[in-house]
ModelCIF file with pLDDT and N, C-alpha, C, O atoms, coordinates in Angstrom:
data_MODEL
#
_entry.id   MODEL 
#
_entity.id                         1 
_entity.type                       polymer 
_entity.pdbx_number_of_molecules   1 
#
_entity_poly.entity_id                      1 
_entity_poly.type                           'polypeptide(L)' 
_entity_poly.nstd_linkage                   no 
_entity_poly.nstd_monomer                   no 
_entity_poly.pdbx_seq_one_letter_code       ARFSVSRDGVLAYRTGESGSRLLWMNRAGQELGLEGDAGEINNPSLS 
_entity_poly.pdbx_seq_one_letter_code_can   ARFSVSRDGVLAYRTGESGSRLLWMNRAGQELGLEGDAGEINNPSLS 
_entity_poly.pdbx_strand_id                 A 
#
loop_
_entity_poly_seq.entity_id 
_entity_poly_seq.num 
_entity_poly_seq.mon_id 
_entity_poly_seq.hetero 
1 1  ALA n 
1 2  ARG n 
1 3  PHE n 
1 4  SER n 
1 5  VAL n 
1 6  SER n 
1 7  ARG n 
1 8  ASP n 
1 9  GLY n 
1 10 VAL n 
1 11 LEU n 
1 12 ALA n 
1 13 TYR n 
1 14 ARG n 
1 15 THR n 
1 16 GLY n 
1 17 GLU n 
1 18 SER n 
1 19 GLY n 
1 20 SER n 
1 21 ARG n 
1 22 LEU n 
1 23 LEU n 
1 24 TRP n 
1 25 MET n 
1 26 ASN n 
1 27 ARG n 
1 28 ALA n 
1 29 GLY n 
1 30 GLN n 
1 31 GLU n 
1 32 LEU n 
1 33 GLY n 
1 34 LEU n 
1 35 GLU n 
1 36 GLY n 
1 37 ASP n 
1 38 ALA n 
1 39 GLY n 
1 40 GLU n 
1 41 ILE n 
1 42 ASN n 
1 43 ASN n 
1 44 PRO n 
1 45 SER n 
1 46 LEU n 
1 47 SER n 
#
_struct_asym.id          A 
_struct_asym.entity_id   1 
#
loop_
_ma_qa_metric.id 
_ma_qa_metric.mode 
_ma_qa_metric.name 
_ma_qa_metric.software_group_id 
_ma_qa_metric.type 
1 global pLDDT . pLDDT 
2 local  pLDDT . pLDDT 
#
_ma_qa_metric_global.metric_id      1 
_ma_qa_metric_global.metric_value   90.87 
_ma_qa_metric_global.model_id       1 
_ma_qa_metric_global.ordinal_id     1 
#
loop_
_ma_qa_metric_local.label_asym_id 
_ma_qa_metric_local.label_comp_id 
_ma_qa_metric_local.label_seq_id 
_ma_qa_metric_local.metric_id 
_ma_qa_metric_local.metric_value 
_ma_qa_metric_local.model_id 
_ma_qa_metric_local.ordinal_id 
A ALA 1  2 85.00 1 1  
A ARG 2  2 86.00 1 2  
A PHE 3  2 92.00 1 3  
A SER 4  2 94.00 1 4  
A VAL 5  2 94.00 1 5  
A SER 6  2 94.00 1 6  
A ARG 7  2 90.00 1 7  
A ASP 8  2 91.00 1 8  
A GLY 9  2 92.00 1 9  
A VAL 10 2 95.00 1 10 
A LEU 11 2 94.00 1 11 
A ALA 12 2 94.00 1 12 
A TYR 13 2 91.00 1 13 
A ARG 14 2 87.00 1 14 
A THR 15 2 84.00 1 15 
A GLY 16 2 73.00 1 16 
A GLU 17 2 69.00 1 17 
A SER 18 2 69.00 1 18 
A GLY 19 2 77.00 1 19 
A SER 20 2 87.00 1 20 
A ARG 21 2 91.00 1 21 
A LEU 22 2 95.00 1 22 
A LEU 23 2 95.00 1 23 
A TRP 24 2 97.00 1 24 
A MET 25 2 97.00 1 25 
A ASN 26 2 97.00 1 26 
A ARG 27 2 97.00 1 27 
A ALA 28 2 96.00 1 28 
A GLY 29 2 95.00 1 29 
A GLN 30 2 96.00 1 30 
A GLU 31 2 95.00 1 31 
A LEU 32 2 96.00 1 32 
A GLY 33 2 94.00 1 33 
A LEU 34 2 94.00 1 34 
A GLU 35 2 95.00 1 35 
A GLY 36 2 92.00 1 36 
A ASP 37 2 90.00 1 37 
A ALA 38 2 86.00 1 38 
A GLY 39 2 86.00 1 39 
A GLU 40 2 86.00 1 40 
A ILE 41 2 92.00 1 41 
A ASN 42 2 91.00 1 42 
A ASN 43 2 94.00 1 43 
A PRO 44 2 96.00 1 44 
A SER 45 2 97.00 1 45 
A LEU 46 2 97.00 1 46 
A SER 47 2 96.00 1 47 
#
loop_
_atom_site.group_PDB 
_atom_site.id 
_atom_site.type_symbol 
_atom_site.label_atom_id 
_atom_site.label_alt_id 
_atom_site.label_comp_id 
_atom_site.label_asym_id 
_atom_site.label_entity_id 
_atom_site.label_seq_id 
_atom_site.pdbx_PDB_ins_code 
_atom_site.Cartn_x 
_atom_site.Cartn_y 
_atom_site.Cartn_z 
_atom_site.occupancy 
_atom_site.B_iso_or_equiv 
_atom_site.pdbx_formal_charge 
_atom_site.auth_seq_id 
_atom_site.auth_comp_id 
_atom_site.auth_asym_id 
_atom_site.auth_atom_id 
_atom_site.pdbx_PDB_model_num 
ATOM 1   N N  . ALA A 1 1  ? 176.842 104.630 92.100  1.00 85.00 ? 1  ALA A N  1 
ATOM 2   C CA . ALA A 1 1  ? 178.140 103.917 91.654  1.00 85.00 ? 1  ALA A CA 1 
ATOM 3   C C  . ALA A 1 1  ? 177.741 102.511 92.363  1.00 85.00 ? 1  ALA A C  1 
ATOM 4   O O  . ALA A 1 1  ? 176.843 102.418 93.200  1.00 85.00 ? 1  ALA A O  1 
ATOM 5   N N  . ARG A 1 2  ? 178.522 101.457 91.914  1.00 86.00 ? 2  ARG A N  1 
ATOM 6   C CA . ARG A 1 2  ? 178.195 100.171 91.674  1.00 86.00 ? 2  ARG A CA 1 
ATOM 7   C C  . ARG A 1 2  ? 179.159 99.562  92.936  1.00 86.00 ? 2  ARG A C  1 
ATOM 8   O O  . ARG A 1 2  ? 180.069 98.770  92.694  1.00 86.00 ? 2  ARG A O  1 
ATOM 9   N N  . PHE A 1 3  ? 178.828 100.059 94.399  1.00 92.00 ? 3  PHE A N  1 
ATOM 10  C CA . PHE A 1 3  ? 179.367 99.556  95.668  1.00 92.00 ? 3  PHE A CA 1 
ATOM 11  C C  . PHE A 1 3  ? 178.938 99.812  96.935  1.00 92.00 ? 3  PHE A C  1 
ATOM 12  O O  . PHE A 1 3  ? 178.450 100.897 97.250  1.00 92.00 ? 3  PHE A O  1 
ATOM 13  N N  . SER A 1 4  ? 179.095 98.799  97.768  1.00 94.00 ? 4  SER A N  1 
ATOM 14  C CA . SER A 1 4  ? 178.364 98.881  98.991  1.00 94.00 ? 4  SER A CA 1 
ATOM 15  C C  . SER A 1 4  ? 179.596 98.384  100.324 1.00 94.00 ? 4  SER A C  1 
ATOM 16  O O  . SER A 1 4  ? 180.544 97.602  100.263 1.00 94.00 ? 4  SER A O  1 
ATOM 17  N N  . VAL A 1 5  ? 179.176 99.056  101.235 1.00 94.00 ? 5  VAL A N  1 
ATOM 18  C CA . VAL A 1 5  ? 180.488 98.579  102.578 1.00 94.00 ? 5  VAL A CA 1 
ATOM 19  C C  . VAL A 1 5  ? 179.465 98.558  103.574 1.00 94.00 ? 5  VAL A C  1 
ATOM 20  O O  . VAL A 1 5  ? 178.446 99.247  103.611 1.00 94.00 ? 5  VAL A O  1 
ATOM 21  N N  . SER A 1 6  ? 179.981 97.415  104.627 1.00 94.00 ? 6  SER A N  1 
ATOM 22  C CA . SER A 1 6  ? 179.050 97.337  105.592 1.00 94.00 ? 6  SER A CA 1 
ATOM 23  C C  . SER A 1 6  ? 180.003 98.030  106.673 1.00 94.00 ? 6  SER A C  1 
ATOM 24  O O  . SER A 1 6  ? 181.118 98.486  106.416 1.00 94.00 ? 6  SER A O  1 
ATOM 25  N N  . ARG A 1 7  ? 179.388 98.034  107.906 1.00 90.00 ? 7  ARG A N  1 
ATOM 26  C CA . ARG A 1 7  ? 180.041 98.547  109.207 1.00 90.00 ? 7  ARG A CA 1 
ATOM 27  C C  . ARG A 1 7  ? 181.222 97.675  109.684 1.00 90.00 ? 7  ARG A C  1 
ATOM 28  O O  . ARG A 1 7  ? 182.273 98.065  110.191 1.00 90.00 ? 7  ARG A O  1 
ATOM 29  N N  . ASP A 1 8  ? 180.800 96.321  109.397 1.00 91.00 ? 8  ASP A N  1 
ATOM 30  C CA . ASP A 1 8  ? 181.559 95.519  110.061 1.00 91.00 ? 8  ASP A CA 1 
ATOM 31  C C  . ASP A 1 8  ? 183.057 94.747  109.021 1.00 91.00 ? 8  ASP A C  1 
ATOM 32  O O  . ASP A 1 8  ? 183.743 93.794  109.391 1.00 91.00 ? 8  ASP A O  1 
ATOM 33  N N  . GLY A 1 9  ? 183.222 95.594  107.591 1.00 92.00 ? 9  GLY A N  1 
ATOM 34  C CA . GLY A 1 9  ? 184.675 95.693  107.187 1.00 92.00 ? 9  GLY A CA 1 
ATOM 35  C C  . GLY A 1 9  ? 184.047 94.327  105.963 1.00 92.00 ? 9  GLY A C  1 
ATOM 36  O O  . GLY A 1 9  ? 184.758 93.327  105.875 1.00 92.00 ? 9  GLY A O  1 
ATOM 37  N N  . VAL A 1 10 ? 183.024 94.377  105.288 1.00 95.00 ? 10 VAL A N  1 
ATOM 38  C CA . VAL A 1 10 ? 182.825 93.836  104.192 1.00 95.00 ? 10 VAL A CA 1 
ATOM 39  C C  . VAL A 1 10 ? 182.434 94.668  102.988 1.00 95.00 ? 10 VAL A C  1 
ATOM 40  O O  . VAL A 1 10 ? 181.353 95.257  103.006 1.00 95.00 ? 10 VAL A O  1 
ATOM 41  N N  . LEU A 1 11 ? 183.264 94.758  101.916 1.00 94.00 ? 11 LEU A N  1 
ATOM 42  C CA . LEU A 1 11 ? 182.875 95.543  100.731 1.00 94.00 ? 11 LEU A CA 1 
ATOM 43  C C  . LEU A 1 11 ? 182.514 94.796  99.741  1.00 94.00 ? 11 LEU A C  1 
ATOM 44  O O  . LEU A 1 11 ? 183.246 93.855  99.432  1.00 94.00 ? 11 LEU A O  1 
ATOM 45  N N  . ALA A 1 12 ? 181.284 95.048  99.006  1.00 94.00 ? 12 ALA A N  1 
ATOM 46  C CA . ALA A 1 12 ? 180.853 94.551  97.776  1.00 94.00 ? 12 ALA A CA 1 
ATOM 47  C C  . ALA A 1 12 ? 180.881 95.519  96.599  1.00 94.00 ? 12 ALA A C  1 
ATOM 48  O O  . ALA A 1 12 ? 180.429 96.660  96.693  1.00 94.00 ? 12 ALA A O  1 
ATOM 49  N N  . TYR A 1 13 ? 181.503 94.954  95.329  1.00 91.00 ? 13 TYR A N  1 
ATOM 50  C CA . TYR A 1 13 ? 181.623 96.139  94.091  1.00 91.00 ? 13 TYR A CA 1 
ATOM 51  C C  . TYR A 1 13 ? 181.182 95.291  92.720  1.00 91.00 ? 13 TYR A C  1 
ATOM 52  O O  . TYR A 1 13 ? 181.396 94.092  92.538  1.00 91.00 ? 13 TYR A O  1 
ATOM 53  N N  . ARG A 1 14 ? 180.619 96.062  91.945  1.00 87.00 ? 14 ARG A N  1 
ATOM 54  C CA . ARG A 1 14 ? 180.866 95.161  90.402  1.00 87.00 ? 14 ARG A CA 1 
ATOM 55  C C  . ARG A 1 14 ? 181.366 96.227  89.451  1.00 87.00 ? 14 ARG A C  1 
ATOM 56  O O  . ARG A 1 14 ? 180.863 97.347  89.373  1.00 87.00 ? 14 ARG A O  1 
ATOM 57  N N  . THR A 1 15 ? 182.526 95.743  88.641  1.00 84.00 ? 15 THR A N  1 
ATOM 58  C CA . THR A 1 15 ? 183.130 96.712  87.825  1.00 84.00 ? 15 THR A CA 1 
ATOM 59  C C  . THR A 1 15 ? 182.361 96.212  86.442  1.00 84.00 ? 15 THR A C  1 
ATOM 60  O O  . THR A 1 15 ? 181.644 95.212  86.407  1.00 84.00 ? 15 THR A O  1 
ATOM 61  N N  . GLY A 1 16 ? 182.648 97.136  85.228  1.00 73.00 ? 16 GLY A N  1 
ATOM 62  C CA . GLY A 1 16 ? 182.065 96.842  84.003  1.00 73.00 ? 16 GLY A CA 1 
ATOM 63  C C  . GLY A 1 16 ? 181.346 98.267  83.723  1.00 73.00 ? 16 GLY A C  1 
ATOM 64  O O  . GLY A 1 16 ? 181.529 99.228  84.470  1.00 73.00 ? 16 GLY A O  1 
ATOM 65  N N  . GLU A 1 17 ? 180.580 98.314  82.673  1.00 69.00 ? 17 GLU A N  1 
ATOM 66  C CA . GLU A 1 17 ? 180.289 99.432  81.969  1.00 69.00 ? 17 GLU A CA 1 
ATOM 67  C C  . GLU A 1 17 ? 178.868 99.351  82.629  1.00 69.00 ? 17 GLU A C  1 
ATOM 68  O O  . GLU A 1 17 ? 178.261 98.343  82.992  1.00 69.00 ? 17 GLU A O  1 
ATOM 69  N N  . SER A 1 18 ? 178.426 100.901 82.703  1.00 69.00 ? 18 SER A N  1 
ATOM 70  C CA . SER A 1 18 ? 177.025 101.112 83.242  1.00 69.00 ? 18 SER A CA 1 
ATOM 71  C C  . SER A 1 18 ? 176.225 101.610 82.061  1.00 69.00 ? 18 SER A C  1 
ATOM 72  O O  . SER A 1 18 ? 176.813 101.718 80.985  1.00 69.00 ? 18 SER A O  1 
ATOM 73  N N  . GLY A 1 19 ? 174.879 101.940 82.156  1.00 77.00 ? 19 GLY A N  1 
ATOM 74  C CA . GLY A 1 19 ? 174.186 102.584 81.268  1.00 77.00 ? 19 GLY A CA 1 
ATOM 75  C C  . GLY A 1 19 ? 172.810 102.460 81.066  1.00 77.00 ? 19 GLY A C  1 
ATOM 76  O O  . GLY A 1 19 ? 172.084 102.445 82.059  1.00 77.00 ? 19 GLY A O  1 
ATOM 77  N N  . SER A 1 20 ? 172.341 102.372 79.977  1.00 87.00 ? 20 SER A N  1 
ATOM 78  C CA . SER A 1 20 ? 171.211 101.689 79.182  1.00 87.00 ? 20 SER A CA 1 
ATOM 79  C C  . SER A 1 20 ? 171.043 101.444 77.835  1.00 87.00 ? 20 SER A C  1 
ATOM 80  O O  . SER A 1 20 ? 171.801 102.040 77.071  1.00 87.00 ? 20 SER A O  1 
ATOM 81  N N  . ARG A 1 21 ? 170.106 100.600 77.318  1.00 91.00 ? 21 ARG A N  1 
ATOM 82  C CA . ARG A 1 21 ? 169.831 100.421 76.136  1.00 91.00 ? 21 ARG A CA 1 
ATOM 83  C C  . ARG A 1 21 ? 168.427 100.593 75.632  1.00 91.00 ? 21 ARG A C  1 
ATOM 84  O O  . ARG A 1 21 ? 167.543 100.586 76.489  1.00 91.00 ? 21 ARG A O  1 
ATOM 85  N N  . LEU A 1 22 ? 168.099 100.739 74.429  1.00 95.00 ? 22 LEU A N  1 
ATOM 86  C CA . LEU A 1 22 ? 166.586 100.942 73.771  1.00 95.00 ? 22 LEU A CA 1 
ATOM 87  C C  . LEU A 1 22 ? 166.246 99.833  73.142  1.00 95.00 ? 22 LEU A C  1 
ATOM 88  O O  . LEU A 1 22 ? 166.625 99.496  72.021  1.00 95.00 ? 22 LEU A O  1 
ATOM 89  N N  . LEU A 1 23 ? 165.312 99.080  74.073  1.00 95.00 ? 23 LEU A N  1 
ATOM 90  C CA . LEU A 1 23 ? 164.711 97.712  73.909  1.00 95.00 ? 23 LEU A CA 1 
ATOM 91  C C  . LEU A 1 23 ? 163.171 98.075  73.341  1.00 95.00 ? 23 LEU A C  1 
ATOM 92  O O  . LEU A 1 23 ? 162.355 98.793  73.918  1.00 95.00 ? 23 LEU A O  1 
ATOM 93  N N  . TRP A 1 24 ? 162.991 97.382  72.046  1.00 97.00 ? 24 TRP A N  1 
ATOM 94  C CA . TRP A 1 24 ? 161.501 97.332  71.665  1.00 97.00 ? 24 TRP A CA 1 
ATOM 95  C C  . TRP A 1 24 ? 160.851 96.010  72.314  1.00 97.00 ? 24 TRP A C  1 
ATOM 96  O O  . TRP A 1 24 ? 161.492 94.986  72.551  1.00 97.00 ? 24 TRP A O  1 
ATOM 97  N N  . MET A 1 25 ? 159.524 96.185  72.555  1.00 97.00 ? 25 MET A N  1 
ATOM 98  C CA . MET A 1 25 ? 158.938 95.163  73.205  1.00 97.00 ? 25 MET A CA 1 
ATOM 99  C C  . MET A 1 25 ? 157.584 95.121  72.462  1.00 97.00 ? 25 MET A C  1 
ATOM 100 O O  . MET A 1 25 ? 157.240 96.221  72.031  1.00 97.00 ? 25 MET A O  1 
ATOM 101 N N  . ASN A 1 26 ? 156.761 94.121  72.224  1.00 97.00 ? 26 ASN A N  1 
ATOM 102 C CA . ASN A 1 26 ? 155.360 94.182  71.877  1.00 97.00 ? 26 ASN A CA 1 
ATOM 103 C C  . ASN A 1 26 ? 154.225 94.123  72.905  1.00 97.00 ? 26 ASN A C  1 
ATOM 104 O O  . ASN A 1 26 ? 154.733 94.047  74.023  1.00 97.00 ? 26 ASN A O  1 
ATOM 105 N N  . ARG A 1 27 ? 153.050 94.127  72.957  1.00 97.00 ? 27 ARG A N  1 
ATOM 106 C CA . ARG A 1 27 ? 151.884 93.955  73.855  1.00 97.00 ? 27 ARG A CA 1 
ATOM 107 C C  . ARG A 1 27 ? 152.342 92.909  74.813  1.00 97.00 ? 27 ARG A C  1 
ATOM 108 O O  . ARG A 1 27 ? 152.361 93.095  76.030  1.00 97.00 ? 27 ARG A O  1 
ATOM 109 N N  . ALA A 1 28 ? 152.680 91.893  74.275  1.00 96.00 ? 28 ALA A N  1 
ATOM 110 C CA . ALA A 1 28 ? 152.753 90.603  74.844  1.00 96.00 ? 28 ALA A CA 1 
ATOM 111 C C  . ALA A 1 28 ? 154.272 90.219  75.656  1.00 96.00 ? 28 ALA A C  1 
ATOM 112 O O  . ALA A 1 28 ? 154.645 89.242  76.305  1.00 96.00 ? 28 ALA A O  1 
ATOM 113 N N  . GLY A 1 29 ? 154.861 91.406  75.292  1.00 95.00 ? 29 GLY A N  1 
ATOM 114 C CA . GLY A 1 29 ? 156.286 91.483  76.515  1.00 95.00 ? 29 GLY A CA 1 
ATOM 115 C C  . GLY A 1 29 ? 157.080 90.966  75.740  1.00 95.00 ? 29 GLY A C  1 
ATOM 116 O O  . GLY A 1 29 ? 158.132 90.632  76.287  1.00 95.00 ? 29 GLY A O  1 
ATOM 117 N N  . GLN A 1 30 ? 157.007 90.749  74.619  1.00 96.00 ? 30 GLN A N  1 
ATOM 118 C CA . GLN A 1 30 ? 158.200 89.791  73.732  1.00 96.00 ? 30 GLN A CA 1 
ATOM 119 C C  . GLN A 1 30 ? 159.174 90.902  73.345  1.00 96.00 ? 30 GLN A C  1 
ATOM 120 O O  . GLN A 1 30 ? 158.799 91.965  72.852  1.00 96.00 ? 30 GLN A O  1 
ATOM 121 N N  . GLU A 1 31 ? 160.545 90.568  73.619  1.00 95.00 ? 31 GLU A N  1 
ATOM 122 C CA . GLU A 1 31 ? 161.542 91.476  73.441  1.00 95.00 ? 31 GLU A CA 1 
ATOM 123 C C  . GLU A 1 31 ? 161.494 91.238  71.622  1.00 95.00 ? 31 GLU A C  1 
ATOM 124 O O  . GLU A 1 31 ? 161.235 90.187  71.034  1.00 95.00 ? 31 GLU A O  1 
ATOM 125 N N  . LEU A 1 32 ? 161.821 92.529  71.044  1.00 96.00 ? 32 LEU A N  1 
ATOM 126 C CA . LEU A 1 32 ? 161.724 92.526  69.691  1.00 96.00 ? 32 LEU A CA 1 
ATOM 127 C C  . LEU A 1 32 ? 162.816 93.171  68.887  1.00 96.00 ? 32 LEU A C  1 
ATOM 128 O O  . LEU A 1 32 ? 162.768 93.321  67.666  1.00 96.00 ? 32 LEU A O  1 
ATOM 129 N N  . GLY A 1 33 ? 164.115 93.656  69.912  1.00 94.00 ? 33 GLY A N  1 
ATOM 130 C CA . GLY A 1 33 ? 165.360 93.607  69.378  1.00 94.00 ? 33 GLY A CA 1 
ATOM 131 C C  . GLY A 1 33 ? 165.757 95.276  70.006  1.00 94.00 ? 33 GLY A C  1 
ATOM 132 O O  . GLY A 1 33 ? 164.940 95.870  70.711  1.00 94.00 ? 33 GLY A O  1 
ATOM 133 N N  . LEU A 1 34 ? 167.011 95.848  69.661  1.00 94.00 ? 34 LEU A N  1 
ATOM 134 C CA . LEU A 1 34 ? 167.442 96.598  70.053  1.00 94.00 ? 34 LEU A CA 1 
ATOM 135 C C  . LEU A 1 34 ? 167.520 97.594  69.058  1.00 94.00 ? 34 LEU A C  1 
ATOM 136 O O  . LEU A 1 34 ? 167.846 97.308  67.906  1.00 94.00 ? 34 LEU A O  1 
ATOM 137 N N  . GLU A 1 35 ? 167.135 99.202  69.557  1.00 95.00 ? 35 GLU A N  1 
ATOM 138 C CA . GLU A 1 35 ? 167.527 100.127 68.796  1.00 95.00 ? 35 GLU A CA 1 
ATOM 139 C C  . GLU A 1 35 ? 168.798 100.839 69.023  1.00 95.00 ? 35 GLU A C  1 
ATOM 140 O O  . GLU A 1 35 ? 168.838 101.335 70.149  1.00 95.00 ? 35 GLU A O  1 
ATOM 141 N N  . GLY A 1 36 ? 170.075 101.088 68.152  1.00 92.00 ? 36 GLY A N  1 
ATOM 142 C CA . GLY A 1 36 ? 171.034 101.797 68.431  1.00 92.00 ? 36 GLY A CA 1 
ATOM 143 C C  . GLY A 1 36 ? 171.981 101.102 69.258  1.00 92.00 ? 36 GLY A C  1 
ATOM 144 O O  . GLY A 1 36 ? 171.892 99.900  69.508  1.00 92.00 ? 36 GLY A O  1 
ATOM 145 N N  . ASP A 1 37 ? 173.138 102.070 69.801  1.00 90.00 ? 37 ASP A N  1 
ATOM 146 C CA . ASP A 1 37 ? 173.956 101.611 70.953  1.00 90.00 ? 37 ASP A CA 1 
ATOM 147 C C  . ASP A 1 37 ? 173.498 102.172 72.247  1.00 90.00 ? 37 ASP A C  1 
ATOM 148 O O  . ASP A 1 37 ? 172.880 103.194 72.548  1.00 90.00 ? 37 ASP A O  1 
ATOM 149 N N  . ALA A 1 38 ? 174.138 100.901 73.106  1.00 86.00 ? 38 ALA A N  1 
ATOM 150 C CA . ALA A 1 38 ? 173.809 101.493 74.493  1.00 86.00 ? 38 ALA A CA 1 
ATOM 151 C C  . ALA A 1 38 ? 174.905 102.531 75.023  1.00 86.00 ? 38 ALA A C  1 
ATOM 152 O O  . ALA A 1 38 ? 176.077 102.606 74.655  1.00 86.00 ? 38 ALA A O  1 
ATOM 153 N N  . GLY A 1 39 ? 174.093 103.493 76.191  1.00 86.00 ? 39 GLY A N  1 
ATOM 154 C CA . GLY A 1 39 ? 174.443 104.479 76.506  1.00 86.00 ? 39 GLY A CA 1 
ATOM 155 C C  . GLY A 1 39 ? 173.896 104.935 77.744  1.00 86.00 ? 39 GLY A C  1 
ATOM 156 O O  . GLY A 1 39 ? 173.188 104.091 78.294  1.00 86.00 ? 39 GLY A O  1 
ATOM 157 N N  . GLU A 1 40 ? 174.028 106.108 78.389  1.00 86.00 ? 40 GLU A N  1 
ATOM 158 C CA . GLU A 1 40 ? 173.375 106.660 78.955  1.00 86.00 ? 40 GLU A CA 1 
ATOM 159 C C  . GLU A 1 40 ? 172.310 107.531 78.807  1.00 86.00 ? 40 GLU A C  1 
ATOM 160 O O  . GLU A 1 40 ? 172.409 108.757 78.840  1.00 86.00 ? 40 GLU A O  1 
ATOM 161 N N  . ILE A 1 41 ? 170.990 106.716 78.595  1.00 92.00 ? 41 ILE A N  1 
ATOM 162 C CA . ILE A 1 41 ? 170.257 107.380 77.843  1.00 92.00 ? 41 ILE A CA 1 
ATOM 163 C C  . ILE A 1 41 ? 168.996 107.825 78.443  1.00 92.00 ? 41 ILE A C  1 
ATOM 164 O O  . ILE A 1 41 ? 168.430 107.176 79.323  1.00 92.00 ? 41 ILE A O  1 
ATOM 165 N N  . ASN A 1 42 ? 168.584 108.858 78.000  1.00 91.00 ? 42 ASN A N  1 
ATOM 166 C CA . ASN A 1 42 ? 167.100 109.293 79.015  1.00 91.00 ? 42 ASN A CA 1 
ATOM 167 C C  . ASN A 1 42 ? 165.953 110.021 78.112  1.00 91.00 ? 42 ASN A C  1 
ATOM 168 O O  . ASN A 1 42 ? 166.182 110.449 76.981  1.00 91.00 ? 42 ASN A O  1 
ATOM 169 N N  . ASN A 1 43 ? 164.895 110.091 78.656  1.00 94.00 ? 43 ASN A N  1 
ATOM 170 C CA . ASN A 1 43 ? 163.740 110.966 77.750  1.00 94.00 ? 43 ASN A CA 1 
ATOM 171 C C  . ASN A 1 43 ? 163.457 110.650 76.582  1.00 94.00 ? 43 ASN A C  1 
ATOM 172 O O  . ASN A 1 43 ? 163.163 111.706 76.023  1.00 94.00 ? 43 ASN A O  1 
ATOM 173 N N  . PRO A 1 44 ? 163.358 109.714 75.785  1.00 96.00 ? 44 PRO A N  1 
ATOM 174 C CA . PRO A 1 44 ? 162.767 109.375 74.590  1.00 96.00 ? 44 PRO A CA 1 
ATOM 175 C C  . PRO A 1 44 ? 161.626 110.035 73.867  1.00 96.00 ? 44 PRO A C  1 
ATOM 176 O O  . PRO A 1 44 ? 160.494 110.101 74.347  1.00 96.00 ? 44 PRO A O  1 
ATOM 177 N N  . SER A 1 45 ? 161.962 110.516 72.706  1.00 97.00 ? 45 SER A N  1 
ATOM 178 C CA . SER A 1 45 ? 160.782 110.751 72.428  1.00 97.00 ? 45 SER A CA 1 
ATOM 179 C C  . SER A 1 45 ? 160.709 110.557 70.754  1.00 97.00 ? 45 SER A C  1 
ATOM 180 O O  . SER A 1 45 ? 161.607 110.835 69.958  1.00 97.00 ? 45 SER A O  1 
ATOM 181 N N  . LEU A 1 46 ? 159.216 109.932 70.415  1.00 97.00 ? 46 LEU A N  1 
ATOM 182 C CA . LEU A 1 46 ? 159.064 109.657 68.783  1.00 97.00 ? 46 LEU A CA 1 
ATOM 183 C C  . LEU A 1 46 ? 158.327 110.625 68.020  1.00 97.00 ? 46 LEU A C  1 
ATOM 184 O O  . LEU A 1 46 ? 157.246 111.082 68.393  1.00 97.00 ? 46 LEU A O  1 
ATOM 185 N N  . SER A 1 47 ? 158.950 110.959 66.879  1.00 96.00 ? 47 SER A N  1 
ATOM 186 C CA . SER A 1 47 ? 158.282 112.032 66.279  1.00 96.00 ? 47 SER A CA 1 
ATOM 187 C C  . SER A 1 47 ? 156.757 111.231 65.914  1.00 96.00 ? 47 SER A C  1 
ATOM 188 O O  . SER A 1 47 ? 155.850 111.852 65.359  1.00 96.00 ? 47 SER A O  1 
#
């Protein structure tokens, strides 16, 4: 969860969506585009 609190009364937090996106890249590290929608995605497997 996106929050952290110190022992001396300072609180930090962030709102908004969390999750991941499927991002295509080439061997040079250039972003080629996104695949599908964002979500809490794991364990990709290509046929």
